[in-house]
Amino acid sequence: KIAMEEAFHSVGCMITKKDFQKTVGLRIDEVITYWHQEVGWERLSVKDVENLIVQKMIALIEDNGVPLPGVIDTLEYLKSKNIKLGLGTSSYNVLIEAVLNTLGISSVFDVVHSAEDEEFGKPHPAVYLTVAQELAVSTGQTTDQCAMSDHNKIPRSAEDDYSREIVEQRQQFIEQQTGAELDHSKQFSFDPHE
């Protein structure tokens, strides 16, 4: 968000962190296109703003990237149990590479896949279905079923996707979908509004 905010401000698009709630989960190109249509700017092209954001993000990741407490231990534990690990994200491949290399976890994942290589970004399930297919894991559902079923929709909020209420709804969703109890992940490591 820091890189996006700086880049958007540099072209006169004075959006705030709260405004980003409208585009949560979208690929960077989709976010830029959305804001260009909503607010507009003339100095740089949409592609130029995209490149500016990506370069700023890479620099921030390389300079400041550290894993959250427990991430490395969790990944190592899962690998020690021979559990296949897949990463599906809307982030660009170059950003995924920067994160994995900076954190030193490139070799941990059996499959890494970006929605950059899909027709649609999140919340469309294609990126996750591709990861599942490459891991040879059955989802038991078709793409249409995953995309259309209210039962499978992760709770989101257009006003504040990081409010305590919506986060609690997502945690309940995960517990219902997986049968697992979330203990440690129910506590914030940092204030998501900062």
N, C-alpha and C. Protein backbone atom coordinates (compact mmCIF):
# COMPACT_ATOMS: atom_id res chain seq x y z
N LYS A 1 0.83 -1.19 0.00
CA LYS A 1 0.00 0.00 0.00
C LYS A 1 0.87 1.25 0.00
N ILE A 2 2.03 1.18 0.65
CA ILE A 2 2.93 2.33 0.69
C ILE A 2 3.36 2.70 -0.72
N ALA A 3 3.79 1.69 -1.49
CA ALA A 3 4.26 1.94 -2.85
C ALA A 3 3.13 2.48 -3.73
N MET A 4 1.95 1.89 -3.59
CA MET A 4 0.82 2.35 -4.40
C MET A 4 0.44 3.78 -4.04
N GLU A 5 0.36 4.06 -2.75
CA GLU A 5 -0.02 5.41 -2.32
C GLU A 5 0.97 6.44 -2.85
N GLU A 6 2.27 6.15 -2.74
CA GLU A 6 3.30 7.07 -3.24
C GLU A 6 3.18 7.27 -4.75
N ALA A 7 3.00 6.17 -5.48
CA ALA A 7 2.91 6.26 -6.93
C ALA A 7 1.66 7.02 -7.37
N PHE A 8 0.53 6.71 -6.76
CA PHE A 8 -0.70 7.41 -7.11
C PHE A 8 -0.61 8.90 -6.78
N HIS A 9 -0.05 9.22 -5.64
CA HIS A 9 0.10 10.63 -5.26
C HIS A 9 1.02 11.36 -6.24
N SER A 10 2.03 10.67 -6.77
CA SER A 10 2.98 11.31 -7.69
C SER A 10 2.32 11.72 -9.01
N VAL A 11 1.16 11.10 -9.33
CA VAL A 11 0.45 11.48 -10.56
C VAL A 11 -0.82 12.28 -10.24
N GLY A 12 -0.95 12.71 -8.98
CA GLY A 12 -2.08 13.55 -8.61
C GLY A 12 -3.33 12.81 -8.21
N CYS A 13 -3.24 11.52 -8.03
CA CYS A 13 -4.38 10.70 -7.60
C CYS A 13 -4.24 10.53 -6.09
N MET A 14 -4.95 11.36 -5.32
CA MET A 14 -4.73 11.47 -3.88
C MET A 14 -5.58 10.50 -3.07
N ILE A 15 -5.51 9.24 -3.41
CA ILE A 15 -6.27 8.24 -2.68
C ILE A 15 -5.57 7.92 -1.36
N THR A 16 -6.35 7.37 -0.42
CA THR A 16 -5.83 7.05 0.90
C THR A 16 -5.82 5.54 1.10
N LYS A 17 -5.22 5.12 2.20
CA LYS A 17 -5.19 3.69 2.52
C LYS A 17 -6.61 3.13 2.61
N LYS A 18 -7.53 3.90 3.12
CA LYS A 18 -8.92 3.45 3.24
C LYS A 18 -9.53 3.21 1.85
N ASP A 19 -9.14 4.02 0.87
CA ASP A 19 -9.65 3.85 -0.50
C ASP A 19 -9.26 2.50 -1.08
N PHE A 20 -8.13 1.95 -0.63
CA PHE A 20 -7.66 0.67 -1.17
C PHE A 20 -8.60 -0.48 -0.83
N GLN A 21 -9.48 -0.30 0.14
CA GLN A 21 -10.44 -1.35 0.49
C GLN A 21 -11.33 -1.70 -0.70
N LYS A 22 -11.51 -0.75 -1.60
CA LYS A 22 -12.36 -0.97 -2.78
C LYS A 22 -11.74 -1.92 -3.78
N THR A 23 -10.44 -2.14 -3.66
CA THR A 23 -9.75 -2.96 -4.66
C THR A 23 -8.97 -4.12 -4.04
N VAL A 24 -9.30 -4.50 -2.82
CA VAL A 24 -8.61 -5.61 -2.14
C VAL A 24 -8.70 -6.87 -2.99
N GLY A 25 -7.55 -7.53 -3.17
CA GLY A 25 -7.51 -8.80 -3.88
C GLY A 25 -7.30 -8.69 -5.37
N LEU A 26 -7.44 -7.47 -5.93
CA LEU A 26 -7.24 -7.31 -7.36
C LEU A 26 -5.74 -7.28 -7.69
N ARG A 27 -5.42 -7.66 -8.92
CA ARG A 27 -4.03 -7.53 -9.38
C ARG A 27 -3.70 -6.05 -9.49
N ILE A 28 -2.42 -5.75 -9.48
CA ILE A 28 -1.98 -4.36 -9.55
C ILE A 28 -2.53 -3.67 -10.79
N ASP A 29 -2.48 -4.33 -11.93
CA ASP A 29 -2.98 -3.70 -13.16
C ASP A 29 -4.47 -3.39 -13.05
N GLU A 30 -5.22 -4.26 -12.37
CA GLU A 30 -6.65 -4.02 -12.18
C GLU A 30 -6.90 -2.85 -11.23
N VAL A 31 -6.06 -2.73 -10.19
CA VAL A 31 -6.18 -1.61 -9.25
C VAL A 31 -5.90 -0.30 -9.97
N ILE A 32 -4.84 -0.26 -10.76
CA ILE A 32 -4.46 0.96 -11.46
C ILE A 32 -5.54 1.35 -12.47
N THR A 33 -6.02 0.39 -13.21
CA THR A 33 -7.09 0.67 -14.18
C THR A 33 -8.33 1.20 -13.48
N TYR A 34 -8.68 0.60 -12.34
CA TYR A 34 -9.85 1.06 -11.57
C TYR A 34 -9.69 2.52 -11.19
N TRP A 35 -8.54 2.88 -10.60
CA TRP A 35 -8.35 4.25 -10.14
C TRP A 35 -8.17 5.23 -11.29
N HIS A 36 -7.62 4.77 -12.39
CA HIS A 36 -7.51 5.65 -13.56
C HIS A 36 -8.89 6.00 -14.09
N GLN A 37 -9.80 5.03 -14.09
CA GLN A 37 -11.17 5.28 -14.53
C GLN A 37 -11.94 6.14 -13.52
N GLU A 38 -11.67 5.93 -12.22
CA GLU A 38 -12.38 6.69 -11.17
C GLU A 38 -11.90 8.13 -11.05
N VAL A 39 -10.58 8.30 -11.06
CA VAL A 39 -9.99 9.61 -10.77
C VAL A 39 -9.30 10.21 -11.99
N GLY A 40 -8.56 9.37 -12.69
CA GLY A 40 -7.84 9.81 -13.89
C GLY A 40 -6.58 10.60 -13.57
N TRP A 41 -5.65 10.61 -14.51
CA TRP A 41 -4.43 11.41 -14.47
C TRP A 41 -3.89 11.43 -15.87
N GLU A 42 -2.99 12.36 -16.15
CA GLU A 42 -2.52 12.54 -17.52
C GLU A 42 -1.02 12.34 -17.69
N ARG A 43 -0.24 12.64 -16.67
CA ARG A 43 1.22 12.69 -16.81
C ARG A 43 1.86 11.37 -17.20
N LEU A 44 1.43 10.27 -16.60
CA LEU A 44 2.00 8.96 -16.89
C LEU A 44 0.90 8.03 -17.39
N SER A 45 1.30 7.06 -18.19
CA SER A 45 0.33 6.06 -18.65
C SER A 45 0.03 5.08 -17.52
N VAL A 46 -1.02 4.31 -17.69
CA VAL A 46 -1.37 3.28 -16.72
C VAL A 46 -0.20 2.32 -16.55
N LYS A 47 0.43 1.93 -17.64
CA LYS A 47 1.57 1.01 -17.60
C LYS A 47 2.76 1.64 -16.86
N ASP A 48 3.00 2.94 -17.06
CA ASP A 48 4.08 3.62 -16.36
C ASP A 48 3.85 3.62 -14.85
N VAL A 49 2.61 3.86 -14.44
CA VAL A 49 2.27 3.85 -13.01
C VAL A 49 2.45 2.44 -12.46
N GLU A 50 2.04 1.45 -13.24
CA GLU A 50 2.21 0.05 -12.83
C GLU A 50 3.69 -0.25 -12.59
N ASN A 51 4.55 0.12 -13.53
CA ASN A 51 5.98 -0.13 -13.40
C ASN A 51 6.57 0.60 -12.19
N LEU A 52 6.12 1.82 -11.96
CA LEU A 52 6.57 2.60 -10.82
C LEU A 52 6.21 1.90 -9.50
N ILE A 53 4.98 1.44 -9.41
CA ILE A 53 4.53 0.74 -8.20
C ILE A 53 5.33 -0.54 -7.98
N VAL A 54 5.49 -1.32 -9.02
CA VAL A 54 6.20 -2.60 -8.89
C VAL A 54 7.65 -2.36 -8.44
N GLN A 55 8.32 -1.39 -9.03
CA GLN A 55 9.72 -1.11 -8.64
C GLN A 55 9.80 -0.63 -7.19
N LYS A 56 8.85 0.22 -6.77
CA LYS A 56 8.82 0.67 -5.38
C LYS A 56 8.56 -0.50 -4.44
N MET A 57 7.67 -1.39 -4.83
CA MET A 57 7.34 -2.56 -3.99
C MET A 57 8.55 -3.47 -3.84
N ILE A 58 9.25 -3.72 -4.92
CA ILE A 58 10.44 -4.57 -4.86
C ILE A 58 11.48 -3.96 -3.91
N ALA A 59 11.71 -2.67 -4.03
CA ALA A 59 12.68 -2.00 -3.16
C ALA A 59 12.26 -2.10 -1.69
N LEU A 60 10.98 -1.88 -1.40
CA LEU A 60 10.48 -1.97 -0.03
C LEU A 60 10.62 -3.40 0.51
N ILE A 61 10.30 -4.38 -0.31
CA ILE A 61 10.42 -5.79 0.10
C ILE A 61 11.87 -6.12 0.41
N GLU A 62 12.77 -5.77 -0.49
CA GLU A 62 14.19 -6.10 -0.31
C GLU A 62 14.79 -5.37 0.89
N ASP A 63 14.34 -4.14 1.15
CA ASP A 63 14.89 -3.36 2.26
C ASP A 63 14.27 -3.69 3.61
N ASN A 64 13.00 -4.10 3.61
CA ASN A 64 12.28 -4.24 4.88
C ASN A 64 11.63 -5.59 5.11
N GLY A 65 11.74 -6.51 4.16
CA GLY A 65 11.02 -7.77 4.26
C GLY A 65 11.53 -8.69 5.35
N VAL A 66 10.65 -8.99 6.30
CA VAL A 66 10.94 -9.98 7.35
C VAL A 66 9.68 -10.82 7.54
N PRO A 67 9.86 -12.09 7.82
CA PRO A 67 8.67 -12.93 8.03
C PRO A 67 7.98 -12.60 9.34
N LEU A 68 6.67 -12.76 9.37
CA LEU A 68 5.93 -12.62 10.61
C LEU A 68 6.35 -13.74 11.56
N PRO A 69 6.27 -13.50 12.85
CA PRO A 69 6.66 -14.54 13.81
C PRO A 69 5.91 -15.85 13.55
N GLY A 70 6.65 -16.93 13.52
CA GLY A 70 6.06 -18.26 13.36
C GLY A 70 5.97 -18.75 11.93
N VAL A 71 6.13 -17.88 10.95
CA VAL A 71 5.97 -18.30 9.55
C VAL A 71 7.01 -19.33 9.16
N ILE A 72 8.27 -19.04 9.40
CA ILE A 72 9.35 -19.95 9.01
C ILE A 72 9.20 -21.28 9.73
N ASP A 73 8.95 -21.24 11.04
CA ASP A 73 8.76 -22.47 11.82
C ASP A 73 7.60 -23.29 11.27
N THR A 74 6.52 -22.63 10.93
CA THR A 74 5.35 -23.34 10.39
C THR A 74 5.67 -24.00 9.06
N LEU A 75 6.32 -23.27 8.17
CA LEU A 75 6.68 -23.84 6.87
C LEU A 75 7.64 -25.02 7.03
N GLU A 76 8.62 -24.87 7.90
CA GLU A 76 9.57 -25.96 8.13
C GLU A 76 8.87 -27.18 8.72
N TYR A 77 7.95 -26.96 9.64
CA TYR A 77 7.20 -28.06 10.24
C TYR A 77 6.38 -28.80 9.17
N LEU A 78 5.67 -28.05 8.35
CA LEU A 78 4.86 -28.68 7.30
C LEU A 78 5.72 -29.47 6.32
N LYS A 79 6.86 -28.93 5.96
CA LYS A 79 7.77 -29.65 5.06
C LYS A 79 8.31 -30.91 5.73
N SER A 80 8.59 -30.83 7.03
CA SER A 80 9.11 -32.00 7.74
C SER A 80 8.09 -33.14 7.77
N LYS A 81 6.82 -32.80 7.62
CA LYS A 81 5.74 -33.78 7.60
C LYS A 81 5.40 -34.19 6.16
N ASN A 82 6.23 -33.75 5.20
CA ASN A 82 6.05 -34.05 3.78
C ASN A 82 4.71 -33.57 3.24
N ILE A 83 4.25 -32.46 3.75
CA ILE A 83 3.00 -31.86 3.27
C ILE A 83 3.34 -30.96 2.09
N LYS A 84 2.63 -31.16 0.99
CA LYS A 84 2.84 -30.34 -0.19
C LYS A 84 2.37 -28.91 0.10
N LEU A 85 3.19 -27.96 -0.32
CA LEU A 85 2.85 -26.56 -0.10
C LEU A 85 2.73 -25.82 -1.42
N GLY A 86 1.62 -25.11 -1.58
CA GLY A 86 1.40 -24.31 -2.77
C GLY A 86 1.10 -22.88 -2.39
N LEU A 87 1.56 -21.97 -3.21
CA LEU A 87 1.31 -20.54 -3.00
C LEU A 87 0.57 -20.02 -4.21
N GLY A 88 -0.65 -19.53 -3.99
CA GLY A 88 -1.45 -18.91 -5.04
C GLY A 88 -1.75 -17.49 -4.64
N THR A 89 -1.42 -16.54 -5.49
CA THR A 89 -1.57 -15.14 -5.14
C THR A 89 -1.85 -14.28 -6.36
N SER A 90 -2.42 -13.10 -6.12
CA SER A 90 -2.63 -12.15 -7.21
C SER A 90 -1.38 -11.31 -7.47
N SER A 91 -0.38 -11.43 -6.63
CA SER A 91 0.85 -10.66 -6.82
C SER A 91 1.55 -11.10 -8.11
N TYR A 92 2.28 -10.15 -8.69
CA TYR A 92 3.04 -10.45 -9.90
C TYR A 92 4.18 -11.41 -9.57
N ASN A 93 4.59 -12.16 -10.58
CA ASN A 93 5.70 -13.11 -10.42
C ASN A 93 6.96 -12.44 -9.89
N VAL A 94 7.27 -11.25 -10.38
CA VAL A 94 8.48 -10.56 -9.95
C VAL A 94 8.39 -10.18 -8.47
N LEU A 95 7.19 -9.89 -7.96
CA LEU A 95 7.01 -9.58 -6.55
C LEU A 95 7.08 -10.84 -5.70
N ILE A 96 6.48 -11.91 -6.20
CA ILE A 96 6.55 -13.19 -5.49
C ILE A 96 8.02 -13.58 -5.33
N GLU A 97 8.77 -13.48 -6.41
CA GLU A 97 10.19 -13.83 -6.39
C GLU A 97 10.95 -12.96 -5.38
N ALA A 98 10.65 -11.67 -5.34
CA ALA A 98 11.31 -10.77 -4.39
C ALA A 98 11.02 -11.18 -2.95
N VAL A 99 9.76 -11.50 -2.66
CA VAL A 99 9.39 -11.92 -1.30
C VAL A 99 10.05 -13.24 -0.93
N LEU A 100 9.92 -14.24 -1.79
CA LEU A 100 10.47 -15.56 -1.48
C LEU A 100 11.98 -15.50 -1.31
N ASN A 101 12.67 -14.75 -2.17
CA ASN A 101 14.12 -14.64 -2.07
C ASN A 101 14.53 -13.84 -0.84
N THR A 102 13.84 -12.75 -0.56
CA THR A 102 14.17 -11.92 0.60
C THR A 102 13.99 -12.69 1.89
N LEU A 103 12.93 -13.49 1.97
CA LEU A 103 12.66 -14.27 3.18
C LEU A 103 13.42 -15.59 3.21
N GLY A 104 14.06 -15.94 2.10
CA GLY A 104 14.83 -17.17 2.04
C GLY A 104 13.98 -18.42 2.03
N ILE A 105 12.80 -18.34 1.42
CA ILE A 105 11.88 -19.49 1.42
C ILE A 105 11.51 -19.95 0.01
N SER A 106 12.33 -19.63 -0.96
CA SER A 106 12.04 -20.01 -2.35
C SER A 106 11.87 -21.50 -2.53
N SER A 107 12.67 -22.28 -1.80
CA SER A 107 12.65 -23.73 -2.01
C SER A 107 11.56 -24.44 -1.20
N VAL A 108 10.82 -23.72 -0.38
CA VAL A 108 9.83 -24.33 0.50
C VAL A 108 8.58 -24.80 -0.26
N PHE A 109 8.17 -24.03 -1.25
CA PHE A 109 6.91 -24.31 -1.93
C PHE A 109 7.10 -25.26 -3.11
N ASP A 110 6.19 -26.22 -3.20
CA ASP A 110 6.20 -27.15 -4.32
C ASP A 110 5.66 -26.49 -5.58
N VAL A 111 4.71 -25.59 -5.40
CA VAL A 111 4.09 -24.87 -6.51
C VAL A 111 3.93 -23.41 -6.11
N VAL A 112 4.33 -22.52 -7.00
CA VAL A 112 4.09 -21.09 -6.82
C VAL A 112 3.42 -20.61 -8.09
N HIS A 113 2.27 -19.95 -7.92
CA HIS A 113 1.51 -19.54 -9.10
C HIS A 113 0.88 -18.17 -8.87
N SER A 114 0.99 -17.33 -9.88
CA SER A 114 0.44 -15.98 -9.82
C SER A 114 -0.81 -15.86 -10.68
N ALA A 115 -1.77 -15.09 -10.19
CA ALA A 115 -2.96 -14.79 -11.00
C ALA A 115 -2.59 -13.94 -12.21
N GLU A 116 -1.35 -13.44 -12.24
CA GLU A 116 -0.84 -12.74 -13.42
C GLU A 116 -0.94 -13.66 -14.65
N ASP A 117 -0.83 -14.97 -14.40
CA ASP A 117 -0.88 -15.95 -15.48
C ASP A 117 -2.28 -16.50 -15.71
N GLU A 118 -3.27 -15.90 -15.06
CA GLU A 118 -4.67 -16.31 -15.21
C GLU A 118 -5.44 -15.18 -15.89
N GLU A 119 -6.59 -15.52 -16.42
CA GLU A 119 -7.44 -14.50 -17.04
C GLU A 119 -7.97 -13.52 -16.00
N PHE A 120 -8.28 -14.04 -14.79
CA PHE A 120 -8.87 -13.22 -13.74
C PHE A 120 -8.03 -13.29 -12.48
N GLY A 121 -7.98 -12.19 -11.73
CA GLY A 121 -7.35 -12.17 -10.42
C GLY A 121 -8.35 -12.59 -9.37
N LYS A 122 -7.92 -12.55 -8.11
CA LYS A 122 -8.82 -12.86 -7.02
C LYS A 122 -9.93 -11.80 -7.00
N PRO A 123 -11.08 -12.11 -6.55
CA PRO A 123 -11.46 -13.30 -5.80
C PRO A 123 -11.80 -14.51 -6.66
N HIS A 124 -11.65 -14.41 -7.98
CA HIS A 124 -11.90 -15.57 -8.84
C HIS A 124 -10.97 -16.70 -8.40
N PRO A 125 -11.47 -17.92 -8.32
CA PRO A 125 -10.68 -19.03 -7.76
C PRO A 125 -9.66 -19.66 -8.70
N ALA A 126 -9.52 -19.17 -9.92
CA ALA A 126 -8.66 -19.83 -10.89
C ALA A 126 -7.23 -20.05 -10.38
N VAL A 127 -6.66 -19.04 -9.73
CA VAL A 127 -5.28 -19.18 -9.26
C VAL A 127 -5.16 -20.32 -8.25
N TYR A 128 -6.16 -20.47 -7.39
CA TYR A 128 -6.12 -21.54 -6.39
C TYR A 128 -6.36 -22.90 -7.02
N LEU A 129 -7.25 -22.94 -8.00
CA LEU A 129 -7.52 -24.20 -8.69
C LEU A 129 -6.30 -24.67 -9.48
N THR A 130 -5.58 -23.72 -10.07
CA THR A 130 -4.36 -24.08 -10.79
C THR A 130 -3.32 -24.65 -9.83
N VAL A 131 -3.16 -24.02 -8.66
CA VAL A 131 -2.22 -24.53 -7.66
C VAL A 131 -2.64 -25.93 -7.22
N ALA A 132 -3.93 -26.12 -6.95
CA ALA A 132 -4.41 -27.44 -6.54
C ALA A 132 -4.14 -28.48 -7.62
N GLN A 133 -4.38 -28.11 -8.87
CA GLN A 133 -4.14 -29.03 -9.98
C GLN A 133 -2.65 -29.39 -10.07
N GLU A 134 -1.78 -28.38 -9.95
CA GLU A 134 -0.35 -28.64 -10.04
C GLU A 134 0.16 -29.46 -8.85
N LEU A 135 -0.50 -29.33 -7.71
CA LEU A 135 -0.14 -30.14 -6.55
C LEU A 135 -0.80 -31.51 -6.61
N ALA A 136 -1.67 -31.72 -7.61
CA ALA A 136 -2.44 -32.95 -7.75
C ALA A 136 -3.36 -33.15 -6.54
N VAL A 137 -4.00 -32.06 -6.13
CA VAL A 137 -4.95 -32.08 -5.02
C VAL A 137 -6.34 -31.85 -5.59
N SER A 138 -7.27 -32.64 -5.17
CA SER A 138 -8.64 -32.49 -5.65
C SER A 138 -9.38 -31.46 -4.81
N THR A 139 -10.04 -30.51 -5.48
CA THR A 139 -10.85 -29.53 -4.75
C THR A 139 -12.27 -30.03 -4.58
N GLY A 140 -12.66 -31.00 -5.39
CA GLY A 140 -14.02 -31.52 -5.30
C GLY A 140 -15.04 -30.57 -5.88
N GLN A 141 -14.61 -29.48 -6.49
CA GLN A 141 -15.54 -28.51 -7.05
C GLN A 141 -15.02 -28.01 -8.39
N THR A 142 -15.94 -27.57 -9.21
CA THR A 142 -15.56 -26.95 -10.47
C THR A 142 -15.30 -25.48 -10.21
N THR A 143 -14.68 -24.80 -11.17
CA THR A 143 -14.43 -23.37 -11.06
C THR A 143 -15.73 -22.62 -10.83
N ASP A 144 -16.78 -22.98 -11.55
CA ASP A 144 -18.06 -22.30 -11.40
C ASP A 144 -18.62 -22.49 -9.99
N GLN A 145 -18.48 -23.67 -9.45
CA GLN A 145 -18.98 -23.91 -8.10
C GLN A 145 -18.21 -23.07 -7.08
N CYS A 146 -16.90 -22.99 -7.24
CA CYS A 146 -16.11 -22.20 -6.31
C CYS A 146 -16.44 -20.72 -6.43
N ALA A 147 -16.64 -20.27 -7.64
CA ALA A 147 -16.87 -18.84 -7.86
C ALA A 147 -18.28 -18.42 -7.49
N MET A 148 -19.25 -19.30 -7.63
CA MET A 148 -20.64 -18.89 -7.49
C MET A 148 -21.28 -19.23 -6.16
N SER A 149 -20.74 -20.16 -5.43
CA SER A 149 -21.39 -20.60 -4.21
C SER A 149 -21.20 -19.61 -3.08
N ASP A 150 -22.30 -19.13 -2.48
CA ASP A 150 -22.22 -18.24 -1.34
C ASP A 150 -21.54 -18.93 -0.16
N HIS A 151 -21.69 -20.24 -0.09
CA HIS A 151 -21.11 -21.02 0.99
C HIS A 151 -19.59 -20.88 1.01
N ASN A 152 -18.99 -20.68 -0.16
CA ASN A 152 -17.54 -20.63 -0.27
C ASN A 152 -16.98 -19.22 -0.34
N LYS A 153 -17.81 -18.21 -0.21
CA LYS A 153 -17.32 -16.85 -0.33
C LYS A 153 -16.68 -16.39 0.98
N ILE A 154 -15.48 -15.92 0.88
CA ILE A 154 -14.78 -15.40 2.04
C ILE A 154 -15.40 -14.05 2.38
N PRO A 155 -15.77 -13.84 3.63
CA PRO A 155 -16.39 -12.56 4.01
C PRO A 155 -15.47 -11.38 3.74
N ARG A 156 -16.01 -10.36 3.12
CA ARG A 156 -15.29 -9.13 2.80
C ARG A 156 -16.15 -7.93 3.17
N SER A 157 -15.51 -6.77 3.31
CA SER A 157 -16.22 -5.52 3.59
C SER A 157 -15.70 -4.44 2.67
N ALA A 158 -16.59 -3.78 1.97
CA ALA A 158 -16.20 -2.68 1.08
C ALA A 158 -15.77 -1.45 1.88
N GLU A 159 -16.31 -1.31 3.11
CA GLU A 159 -15.98 -0.14 3.93
C GLU A 159 -14.63 -0.28 4.61
N ASP A 160 -14.39 -1.43 5.26
CA ASP A 160 -13.15 -1.63 6.01
C ASP A 160 -12.87 -3.12 6.10
N ASP A 161 -12.08 -3.63 5.19
CA ASP A 161 -11.82 -5.06 5.12
C ASP A 161 -10.89 -5.54 6.23
N TYR A 162 -10.44 -4.63 7.09
CA TYR A 162 -9.57 -4.98 8.20
C TYR A 162 -10.21 -4.69 9.55
N SER A 163 -11.51 -4.40 9.56
CA SER A 163 -12.18 -4.15 10.84
C SER A 163 -12.21 -5.43 11.65
N ARG A 164 -12.27 -5.28 12.96
CA ARG A 164 -12.30 -6.45 13.84
C ARG A 164 -13.47 -7.36 13.48
N GLU A 165 -14.63 -6.77 13.15
CA GLU A 165 -15.82 -7.56 12.85
C GLU A 165 -15.64 -8.43 11.61
N ILE A 166 -15.10 -7.87 10.53
CA ILE A 166 -14.97 -8.64 9.30
C ILE A 166 -13.85 -9.67 9.44
N VAL A 167 -12.81 -9.33 10.19
CA VAL A 167 -11.73 -10.29 10.44
C VAL A 167 -12.28 -11.48 11.22
N GLU A 168 -13.10 -11.21 12.24
CA GLU A 168 -13.71 -12.30 13.01
C GLU A 168 -14.62 -13.17 12.14
N GLN A 169 -15.35 -12.54 11.21
CA GLN A 169 -16.19 -13.32 10.29
C GLN A 169 -15.33 -14.22 9.41
N ARG A 170 -14.18 -13.72 8.95
CA ARG A 170 -13.29 -14.54 8.12
C ARG A 170 -12.71 -15.69 8.94
N GLN A 171 -12.37 -15.43 10.18
CA GLN A 171 -11.84 -16.49 11.04
C GLN A 171 -12.88 -17.57 11.27
N GLN A 172 -14.13 -17.17 11.50
CA GLN A 172 -15.21 -18.14 11.67
C GLN A 172 -15.41 -18.94 10.38
N PHE A 173 -15.31 -18.27 9.24
CA PHE A 173 -15.43 -18.93 7.94
C PHE A 173 -14.37 -20.02 7.80
N ILE A 174 -13.12 -19.67 8.15
CA ILE A 174 -12.02 -20.65 8.04
C ILE A 174 -12.28 -21.83 8.96
N GLU A 175 -12.69 -21.55 10.19
CA GLU A 175 -12.97 -22.64 11.13
C GLU A 175 -14.09 -23.54 10.62
N GLN A 176 -15.14 -22.95 10.04
CA GLN A 176 -16.25 -23.74 9.51
C GLN A 176 -15.82 -24.56 8.30
N GLN A 177 -15.00 -23.98 7.44
CA GLN A 177 -14.59 -24.66 6.21
C GLN A 177 -13.59 -25.77 6.47
N THR A 178 -12.73 -25.58 7.49
CA THR A 178 -11.64 -26.53 7.70
C THR A 178 -11.83 -27.44 8.91
N GLY A 179 -12.68 -27.03 9.83
CA GLY A 179 -12.85 -27.80 11.06
C GLY A 179 -11.72 -27.55 12.05
N ALA A 180 -10.80 -26.67 11.71
CA ALA A 180 -9.68 -26.34 12.59
C ALA A 180 -10.06 -25.18 13.50
N GLU A 181 -9.45 -25.16 14.68
CA GLU A 181 -9.64 -24.04 15.59
C GLU A 181 -8.47 -23.09 15.44
N LEU A 182 -8.76 -21.82 15.23
CA LEU A 182 -7.71 -20.82 15.11
C LEU A 182 -7.42 -20.24 16.48
N ASP A 183 -6.20 -20.43 16.93
CA ASP A 183 -5.83 -19.88 18.23
C ASP A 183 -4.91 -18.68 18.05
N HIS A 184 -3.73 -18.91 17.53
CA HIS A 184 -2.73 -17.86 17.42
C HIS A 184 -3.09 -16.81 16.38
N SER A 185 -3.72 -17.21 15.29
CA SER A 185 -4.01 -16.25 14.22
C SER A 185 -5.19 -15.34 14.55
N LYS A 186 -5.81 -15.52 15.70
CA LYS A 186 -6.92 -14.64 16.07
C LYS A 186 -6.42 -13.35 16.73
N GLN A 187 -5.12 -13.24 16.90
CA GLN A 187 -4.57 -12.05 17.53
C GLN A 187 -3.80 -11.26 16.49
N PHE A 188 -3.98 -9.94 16.50
CA PHE A 188 -3.28 -9.08 15.57
C PHE A 188 -1.82 -8.93 15.98
N SER A 189 -0.90 -9.03 15.00
CA SER A 189 0.51 -8.78 15.24
C SER A 189 0.80 -7.30 15.14
N PHE A 190 -0.07 -6.58 14.42
CA PHE A 190 0.07 -5.15 14.21
C PHE A 190 -1.30 -4.59 13.90
N ASP A 191 -1.44 -3.28 13.99
CA ASP A 191 -2.70 -2.63 13.67
C ASP A 191 -2.84 -2.59 12.16
N PRO A 192 -3.83 -3.29 11.58
CA PRO A 192 -3.95 -3.36 10.12
C PRO A 192 -4.31 -2.03 9.46
N HIS A 193 -4.69 -1.04 10.24
CA HIS A 193 -5.05 0.26 9.68
C HIS A 193 -3.85 1.19 9.53
N GLU A 194 -2.69 0.74 10.00
CA GLU A 194 -1.49 1.60 9.88
C GLU A 194 -0.65 1.20 8.71
